[in-house]
């Protein structure tokens, strides 16, 4: 079960608190291949890629048309 693999960071409330408390800069350190499994973290990763704010390893969904379109991501 993915919730067991991600632990407390799979909670939408904790994700919200973590992302909205930052005032000037937010740096997330984690394994994007694991985080992308959770729909909330996947949305965060996709938003970072769209804003050209992602730095790190290659993502499994980079260079796919769904990232650049306004369609719902299906991976």
Protein backbone atom coordinates (compact mmCIF):
# COMPACT_ATOMS: atom_id res chain seq x y z
CA UNK A 1 0.00 0.00 0.00
CA UNK A 2 1.45 3.37 -0.99
CA UNK A 3 0.43 5.10 2.24
CA UNK A 4 2.73 2.77 4.16
CA UNK A 5 5.63 3.50 1.79
CA UNK A 6 5.27 7.27 2.04
CA UNK A 7 4.24 7.41 5.68
CA UNK A 8 3.04 10.76 7.01
CA UNK A 9 3.95 12.63 3.81
CA UNK A 10 1.06 10.93 2.00
CA UNK A 11 -1.41 12.94 4.09
CA UNK A 12 -2.95 15.76 2.01
CA UNK A 13 -3.19 17.92 5.14
CA UNK A 14 0.52 17.56 5.89
CA UNK A 15 1.42 18.25 2.27
CA UNK A 16 -0.71 21.40 2.40
CA UNK A 17 0.96 22.59 5.60
CA UNK A 18 4.44 21.84 4.25
CA UNK A 19 3.84 23.71 1.00
CA UNK A 20 1.94 26.71 2.36
CA UNK A 21 4.24 27.54 5.30
CA UNK A 22 7.15 28.50 3.07
CA UNK A 23 7.52 32.28 2.82
CA UNK A 24 10.36 32.81 0.38
CA UNK A 25 11.68 29.47 -0.84
CA UNK A 26 10.63 25.86 -0.67
CA UNK A 27 13.07 23.04 -1.26
CA UNK A 28 11.73 19.50 -1.30
CA UNK A 29 14.25 16.72 -0.94
CA UNK A 30 12.93 13.31 -1.80
CA UNK A 31 12.77 10.54 -4.35
CA UNK A 32 10.50 11.78 -7.15
CA UNK A 33 10.08 8.22 -8.42
CA UNK A 34 8.47 7.34 -5.09
CA UNK A 35 6.64 10.64 -4.59
CA UNK A 36 4.99 10.49 -8.03
CA UNK A 37 3.03 7.43 -6.92
CA UNK A 38 0.92 9.65 -4.65
CA UNK A 39 -1.53 11.78 -6.67
CA UNK A 40 -0.95 14.89 -4.52
CA UNK A 41 2.84 14.75 -4.77
CA UNK A 42 2.56 13.94 -8.48
CA UNK A 43 0.58 17.17 -8.91
CA UNK A 44 3.30 19.08 -7.03
CA UNK A 45 6.03 17.56 -9.21
CA UNK A 46 4.12 18.34 -12.40
CA UNK A 47 3.54 21.92 -11.27
CA UNK A 48 7.25 22.32 -10.52
CA UNK A 49 8.16 21.01 -13.97
CA UNK A 50 5.64 23.34 -15.64
CA UNK A 51 7.07 26.33 -13.73
CA UNK A 52 10.61 25.29 -14.64
CA UNK A 53 11.30 25.01 -10.92
CA UNK A 54 12.35 21.35 -10.79
CA UNK A 55 15.99 20.45 -10.28
CA UNK A 56 17.00 16.86 -9.87
CA UNK A 57 17.12 13.49 -11.55
CA UNK A 58 15.17 12.76 -14.71
CA UNK A 59 11.52 12.18 -13.98
CA UNK A 60 9.72 9.19 -15.45
CA UNK A 61 7.03 11.46 -16.92
CA UNK A 62 9.24 14.19 -18.40
CA UNK A 63 8.96 14.71 -22.16
CA UNK A 64 5.52 13.14 -22.27
CA UNK A 65 2.75 15.11 -24.01
CA UNK A 66 0.46 14.98 -20.95
CA UNK A 67 2.86 17.23 -19.02
CA UNK A 68 2.63 20.02 -21.56
CA UNK A 69 -1.06 19.72 -22.33
CA UNK A 70 -4.01 20.78 -20.25
CA UNK A 71 -5.35 17.24 -20.20
CA UNK A 72 -5.42 15.25 -17.01
CA UNK A 73 -2.25 13.24 -16.49
CA UNK A 74 -2.86 9.51 -16.79
CA UNK A 75 0.37 7.82 -15.82
